[in-house]
Amino acid sequence: MELPLTYYGNPILRKKCAQIGEIDEELRLFIKDLEETLIACQGYGIAAPQVGKALALFLVNIPIQKGEDEWEPGQTKVYINPKIVHYSPEEWERPEACLSIPGVSGRVSRPVTINIEATNLEGKRFTETLTALEARAFMHENDHINGVLYIDRVRGKEREAMEPLLRKIKKKYATP
């Protein structure tokens, strides 16, 4: 079932999310719904607070390029209680956007490679080295579960130019 998104201005997007203790059937169903939401929104990732749950959990699905203009869906990866254990010193700047901040994008500099730890759906802790778009998507979603939005990483005039758009989003999606 596709879940409703939370948008910029909703306080849950600024909360540090709770660690998950037990992986039960309720959590598995939530993750299934979260994946359906990610696919329906055609995003690269989605975090639990983006659908109103303050849980340290997110999904990433990077499309696979098959030709110059040909893409196919990637495999969805589940990250429970994730942690970044190492950042490469090399960074790259690239535009980012967010399902919770529609119609806005901005350039963000992030490390090219990261080493991470997380728990999978079977409750096993694992490590992974992520690079390029996978690393960027992981860091973007990891920011979400720590109450940070990509717009917090956009600087200078570009960030200033976003303000009117952000105010419109906040007003449009404000809860009465």
C-alpha atoms as a PDB file:
ATOM      1  CA  MET A   1       0.000   0.000   0.000  1.00  0.00           C
ATOM      2  CA  GLU A   2       1.371   3.394  -0.991  1.00  0.00           C
ATOM      3  CA  LEU A   3       1.860   5.607   2.059  1.00  0.00           C
ATOM      4  CA  PRO A   4       1.232   9.385   2.206  1.00  0.00           C
ATOM      5  CA  LEU A   5       4.401  11.493   2.222  1.00  0.00           C
ATOM      6  CA  THR A   6       5.317  14.074   4.834  1.00  0.00           C
ATOM      7  CA  TYR A   7       6.541  17.386   3.482  1.00  0.00           C
ATOM      8  CA  TYR A   8       8.936  20.169   4.388  1.00  0.00           C
ATOM      9  CA  GLY A   9       7.662  21.922   7.478  1.00  0.00           C
ATOM     10  CA  ASN A  10       6.446  18.739   9.183  1.00  0.00           C
ATOM     11  CA  PRO A  11       8.369  18.501  12.493  1.00  0.00           C
ATOM     12  CA  ILE A  12       9.009  14.749  12.094  1.00  0.00           C
ATOM     13  CA  LEU A  13      11.503  15.565   9.322  1.00  0.00           C
ATOM     14  CA  ARG A  14      13.674  17.331  11.919  1.00  0.00           C
ATOM     15  CA  LYS A  15      13.668  14.541  14.542  1.00  0.00           C
ATOM     16  CA  LYS A  16      16.460  12.096  15.270  1.00  0.00           C
ATOM     17  CA  CYS A  17      14.769   8.743  14.736  1.00  0.00           C
ATOM     18  CA  ALA A  18      14.539   5.887  17.218  1.00  0.00           C
ATOM     19  CA  GLN A  19      16.666   2.776  16.795  1.00  0.00           C
ATOM     20  CA  ILE A  20      14.702  -0.354  15.918  1.00  0.00           C
ATOM     21  CA  GLY A  21      14.889  -3.212  18.414  1.00  0.00           C
ATOM     22  CA  GLU A  22      12.863  -6.069  17.006  1.00  0.00           C
ATOM     23  CA  ILE A  23      12.197  -6.909  13.373  1.00  0.00           C
ATOM     24  CA  ASP A  24       8.656  -8.229  13.538  1.00  0.00           C
ATOM     25  CA  GLU A  25       5.850  -8.783  11.044  1.00  0.00           C
ATOM     26  CA  GLU A  26       4.496  -5.259  11.564  1.00  0.00           C
ATOM     27  CA  LEU A  27       7.883  -3.782  10.619  1.00  0.00           C
ATOM     28  CA  ARG A  28       8.163  -6.080   7.587  1.00  0.00           C
ATOM     29  CA  LEU A  29       4.731  -4.922   6.362  1.00  0.00           C
ATOM     30  CA  PHE A  30       5.743  -1.290   6.895  1.00  0.00           C
ATOM     31  CA  ILE A  31       8.925  -1.868   4.848  1.00  0.00           C
ATOM     32  CA  LYS A  32       6.862  -3.462   2.058  1.00  0.00           C
ATOM     33  CA  ASP A  33       4.558  -0.405   2.029  1.00  0.00           C
ATOM     34  CA  LEU A  34       7.588   1.894   2.126  1.00  0.00           C
ATOM     35  CA  GLU A  35       9.030   0.123  -0.937  1.00  0.00           C
ATOM     36  CA  GLU A  36       5.727   0.458  -2.817  1.00  0.00           C
ATOM     37  CA  THR A  37       5.764   4.168  -1.973  1.00  0.00           C
ATOM     38  CA  LEU A  38       9.356   4.545  -3.194  1.00  0.00           C
ATOM     39  CA  ILE A  39       8.547   2.823  -6.485  1.00  0.00           C
ATOM     40  CA  ALA A  40       5.360   4.862  -6.998  1.00  0.00           C
ATOM     41  CA  CYS A  41       7.276   8.117  -6.349  1.00  0.00           C
ATOM     42  CA  GLN A  42      10.187   7.042  -8.588  1.00  0.00           C
ATOM     43  CA  GLY A  43      12.766   8.132  -6.039  1.00  0.00           C
ATOM     44  CA  TYR A  44      16.267   6.822  -5.346  1.00  0.00           C
ATOM     45  CA  GLY A  45      15.505   6.409  -1.659  1.00  0.00           C
ATOM     46  CA  ILE A  46      12.952   6.947   1.074  1.00  0.00           C
ATOM     47  CA  ALA A  47      13.285   7.153   4.840  1.00  0.00           C
ATOM     48  CA  ALA A  48      10.691   6.276   7.487  1.00  0.00           C
ATOM     49  CA  PRO A  49      10.169   9.902   8.623  1.00  0.00           C
ATOM     50  CA  GLN A  50       9.141  10.791   5.064  1.00  0.00           C
ATOM     51  CA  VAL A  51       5.966   8.784   5.693  1.00  0.00           C
ATOM     52  CA  GLY A  52       5.495   9.920   9.281  1.00  0.00           C
ATOM     53  CA  LYS A  53       7.429   7.274  11.261  1.00  0.00           C
ATOM     54  CA  ALA A  54      10.382   8.333  13.414  1.00  0.00           C
ATOM     55  CA  LEU A  55      12.311   5.081  12.907  1.00  0.00           C
ATOM     56  CA  ALA A  56      15.980   4.609  11.952  1.00  0.00           C
ATOM     57  CA  LEU A  57      15.166   2.893   8.698  1.00  0.00           C
ATOM     58  CA  PHE A  58      15.387   3.687   5.007  1.00  0.00           C
ATOM     59  CA  LEU A  59      15.383   2.103   1.560  1.00  0.00           C
ATOM     60  CA  VAL A  60      17.606   2.846  -1.425  1.00  0.00           C
ATOM     61  CA  ASN A  61      16.999   1.802  -5.029  1.00  0.00           C
ATOM     62  CA  ILE A  62      19.396   3.154  -7.650  1.00  0.00           C
ATOM     63  CA  PRO A  63      18.285   2.528 -11.265  1.00  0.00           C
ATOM     64  CA  ILE A  64      20.695   0.649 -13.525  1.00  0.00           C
ATOM     65  CA  GLN A  65      21.718   2.305 -16.787  1.00  0.00           C
ATOM     66  CA  LYS A  66      21.417  -0.123 -19.717  1.00  0.00           C
ATOM     67  CA  GLY A  67      22.024   2.304 -22.576  1.00  0.00           C
ATOM     68  CA  GLU A  68      22.498   6.000 -23.183  1.00  0.00           C
ATOM     69  CA  ASP A  69      18.862   6.791 -22.348  1.00  0.00           C
ATOM     70  CA  GLU A  70      17.765   3.375 -21.143  1.00  0.00           C
ATOM     71  CA  TRP A  71      17.312   2.570 -17.455  1.00  0.00           C
ATOM     72  CA  GLU A  72      15.801  -0.291 -15.506  1.00  0.00           C
ATOM     73  CA  PRO A  73      14.844  -0.454 -11.844  1.00  0.00           C
ATOM     74  CA  GLY A  74      17.590  -1.450  -9.455  1.00  0.00           C
ATOM     75  CA  GLN A  75      17.265  -3.692  -6.439  1.00  0.00           C
ATOM     76  CA  THR A  76      15.801  -2.150  -3.297  1.00  0.00           C
ATOM     77  CA  LYS A  77      18.131  -2.303  -0.306  1.00  0.00           C
ATOM     78  CA  VAL A  78      16.838  -2.069   3.259  1.00  0.00           C
ATOM     79  CA  TYR A  79      18.961  -0.324   5.900  1.00  0.00           C
ATOM     80  CA  ILE A  80      17.877  -0.658   9.534  1.00  0.00           C
ATOM     81  CA  ASN A  81      19.772   1.246  12.254  1.00  0.00           C
ATOM     82  CA  PRO A  82      22.411   2.363   9.727  1.00  0.00           C
ATOM     83  CA  LYS A  83      25.700   3.989  10.620  1.00  0.00           C
ATOM     84  CA  ILE A  84      28.445   5.520   8.466  1.00  0.00           C
ATOM     85  CA  VAL A  85      31.815   4.332   9.779  1.00  0.00           C
ATOM     86  CA  HIS A  86      34.135   5.985   7.236  1.00  0.00           C
ATOM     87  CA  TYR A  87      33.961   8.798   4.679  1.00  0.00           C
ATOM     88  CA  SER A  88      36.424   9.138   1.783  1.00  0.00           C
ATOM     89  CA  PRO A  89      38.257  12.468   1.704  1.00  0.00           C
ATOM     90  CA  GLU A  90      37.352  12.860  -1.991  1.00  0.00           C
ATOM     91  CA  GLU A  91      34.027  14.649  -2.532  1.00  0.00           C
ATOM     92  CA  TRP A  92      31.821  15.438  -5.507  1.00  0.00           C
ATOM     93  CA  GLU A  93      29.126  18.021  -5.935  1.00  0.00           C
ATOM     94  CA  ARG A  94      25.871  17.127  -7.620  1.00  0.00           C
ATOM     95  CA  PRO A  95      22.252  18.329  -7.584  1.00  0.00           C
ATOM     96  CA  GLU A  96      19.967  16.607  -5.086  1.00  0.00           C
ATOM     97  CA  ALA A  97      16.215  16.676  -4.663  1.00  0.00           C
ATOM     98  CA  CYS A  98      13.836  15.144  -2.150  1.00  0.00           C
ATOM     99  CA  LEU A  99      10.381  13.584  -2.226  1.00  0.00           C
ATOM    100  CA  SER A 100       9.501  15.671   0.859  1.00  0.00           C
ATOM    101  CA  ILE A 101      10.566  18.940  -0.821  1.00  0.00           C
ATOM    102  CA  PRO A 102       8.876  18.748  -4.254  1.00  0.00           C
ATOM    103  CA  GLY A 103       9.993  21.000  -7.074  1.00  0.00           C
ATOM    104  CA  VAL A 104      13.245  22.094  -5.404  1.00  0.00           C
ATOM    105  CA  SER A 105      16.809  20.934  -6.007  1.00  0.00           C
ATOM    106  CA  GLY A 106      20.231  22.121  -4.981  1.00  0.00           C
ATOM    107  CA  ARG A 107      23.903  21.247  -5.334  1.00  0.00           C
ATOM    108  CA  VAL A 108      25.339  19.259  -2.433  1.00  0.00           C
ATOM    109  CA  SER A 109      28.938  18.171  -1.920  1.00  0.00           C
ATOM    110  CA  ARG A 110      29.283  14.679  -0.422  1.00  0.00           C
ATOM    111  CA  PRO A 111      32.058  12.092  -0.102  1.00  0.00           C
ATOM    112  CA  VAL A 112      32.453   9.797  -3.128  1.00  0.00           C
ATOM    113  CA  THR A 113      32.832   6.622  -1.050  1.00  0.00           C
ATOM    114  CA  ILE A 114      31.570   5.571   2.374  1.00  0.00           C
ATOM    115  CA  ASN A 115      31.791   2.473   4.535  1.00  0.00           C
ATOM    116  CA  ILE A 116      28.590   1.661   6.389  1.00  0.00           C
ATOM    117  CA  GLU A 117      27.104  -0.742   8.914  1.00  0.00           C
ATOM    118  CA  ALA A 118      23.413  -1.594   9.078  1.00  0.00           C
ATOM    119  CA  THR A 119      20.996  -4.361   9.970  1.00  0.00           C
ATOM    120  CA  ASN A 120      19.105  -6.308   7.301  1.00  0.00           C
ATOM    121  CA  LEU A 121      15.567  -7.727   7.385  1.00  0.00           C
ATOM    122  CA  GLU A 122      16.856 -10.947   8.920  1.00  0.00           C
ATOM    123  CA  GLY A 123      18.255  -9.000  11.865  1.00  0.00           C
ATOM    124  CA  LYS A 124      21.898  -9.522  10.838  1.00  0.00           C
ATOM    125  CA  ARG A 125      24.397  -6.681  11.054  1.00  0.00           C
ATOM    126  CA  PHE A 126      26.365  -6.166   7.815  1.00  0.00           C
ATOM    127  CA  THR A 127      28.979  -3.833   6.377  1.00  0.00           C
ATOM    128  CA  GLU A 128      29.174  -2.377   2.888  1.00  0.00           C
ATOM    129  CA  THR A 129      31.313  -0.003   0.866  1.00  0.00           C
ATOM    130  CA  LEU A 130      29.198   2.329  -1.256  1.00  0.00           C
ATOM    131  CA  THR A 131      30.355   4.681  -4.007  1.00  0.00           C
ATOM    132  CA  ALA A 132      28.920   7.332  -6.316  1.00  0.00           C
ATOM    133  CA  LEU A 133      25.096   7.459  -6.485  1.00  0.00           C
ATOM    134  CA  GLU A 134      24.625   4.618  -3.997  1.00  0.00           C
ATOM    135  CA  ALA A 135      26.782   6.437  -1.448  1.00  0.00           C
ATOM    136  CA  ARG A 136      25.010   9.748  -2.131  1.00  0.00           C
ATOM    137  CA  ALA A 137      21.540   8.191  -1.766  1.00  0.00           C
ATOM    138  CA  PHE A 138      22.594   6.442   1.458  1.00  0.00           C
ATOM    139  CA  MET A 139      23.937   9.710   2.922  1.00  0.00           C
ATOM    140  CA  HIS A 140      20.813  11.633   1.866  1.00  0.00           C
ATOM    141  CA  GLU A 141      18.514   9.076   3.527  1.00  0.00           C
ATOM    142  CA  ASN A 142      20.787   8.725   6.557  1.00  0.00           C
ATOM    143  CA  ASP A 143      20.504  12.490   6.996  1.00  0.00           C
ATOM    144  CA  HIS A 144      16.700  12.059   7.100  1.00  0.00           C
ATOM    145  CA  ILE A 145      16.825   9.708  10.068  1.00  0.00           C
ATOM    146  CA  ASN A 146      19.027  12.235  11.866  1.00  0.00           C
ATOM    147  CA  GLY A 147      16.693  15.181  11.275  1.00  0.00           C
ATOM    148  CA  VAL A 148      18.842  16.749   8.542  1.00  0.00           C
ATOM    149  CA  LEU A 149      17.570  17.739   5.095  1.00  0.00           C
ATOM    150  CA  TYR A 150      19.716  18.130   1.980  1.00  0.00           C
ATOM    151  CA  ILE A 151      18.776  21.815   1.862  1.00  0.00           C
ATOM    152  CA  ASP A 152      20.789  22.243   5.082  1.00  0.00           C
ATOM    153  CA  ARG A 153      23.880  21.371   3.017  1.00  0.00           C
ATOM    154  CA  VAL A 154      23.209  23.838   0.171  1.00  0.00           C
ATOM    155  CA  ARG A 155      25.196  27.055   0.595  1.00  0.00           C
ATOM    156  CA  GLY A 156      25.257  30.707  -0.412  1.00  0.00           C
ATOM    157  CA  LYS A 157      23.069  32.318  -3.029  1.00  0.00           C
ATOM    158  CA  GLU A 158      21.680  28.972  -4.158  1.00  0.00           C
ATOM    159  CA  ARG A 159      20.313  28.341  -0.650  1.00  0.00           C
ATOM    160  CA  GLU A 160      18.934  31.875  -0.423  1.00  0.00           C
ATOM    161  CA  ALA A 161      17.142  31.401  -3.746  1.00  0.00           C
ATOM    162  CA  MET A 162      15.347  28.322  -2.334  1.00  0.00           C
ATOM    163  CA  GLU A 163      13.686  30.225   0.512  1.00  0.00           C
ATOM    164  CA  PRO A 164      10.578  31.460  -1.373  1.00  0.00           C
ATOM    165  CA  LEU A 165       9.996  27.936  -2.745  1.00  0.00           C
ATOM    166  CA  LEU A 166      10.428  26.400   0.705  1.00  0.00           C
ATOM    167  CA  ARG A 167       7.933  28.845   2.220  1.00  0.00           C
ATOM    168  CA  LYS A 168       5.397  27.869  -0.481  1.00  0.00           C
ATOM    169  CA  ILE A 169       5.867  24.158   0.257  1.00  0.00           C
ATOM    170  CA  LYS A 170       5.549  24.729   3.993  1.00  0.00           C
ATOM    171  CA  LYS A 171       2.348  26.712   3.460  1.00  0.00           C
ATOM    172  CA  LYS A 172       0.866  24.267   0.937  1.00  0.00           C
ATOM    173  CA  TYR A 173       1.400  21.175   3.088  1.00  0.00           C
ATOM    174  CA  ALA A 174       0.924  22.722   6.552  1.00  0.00           C
ATOM    175  CA  THR A 175      -1.413  20.773   8.754  1.00  0.00           C
ATOM    176  CA  PRO A 176      -4.299  22.897  10.106  1.00  0.00           C
END
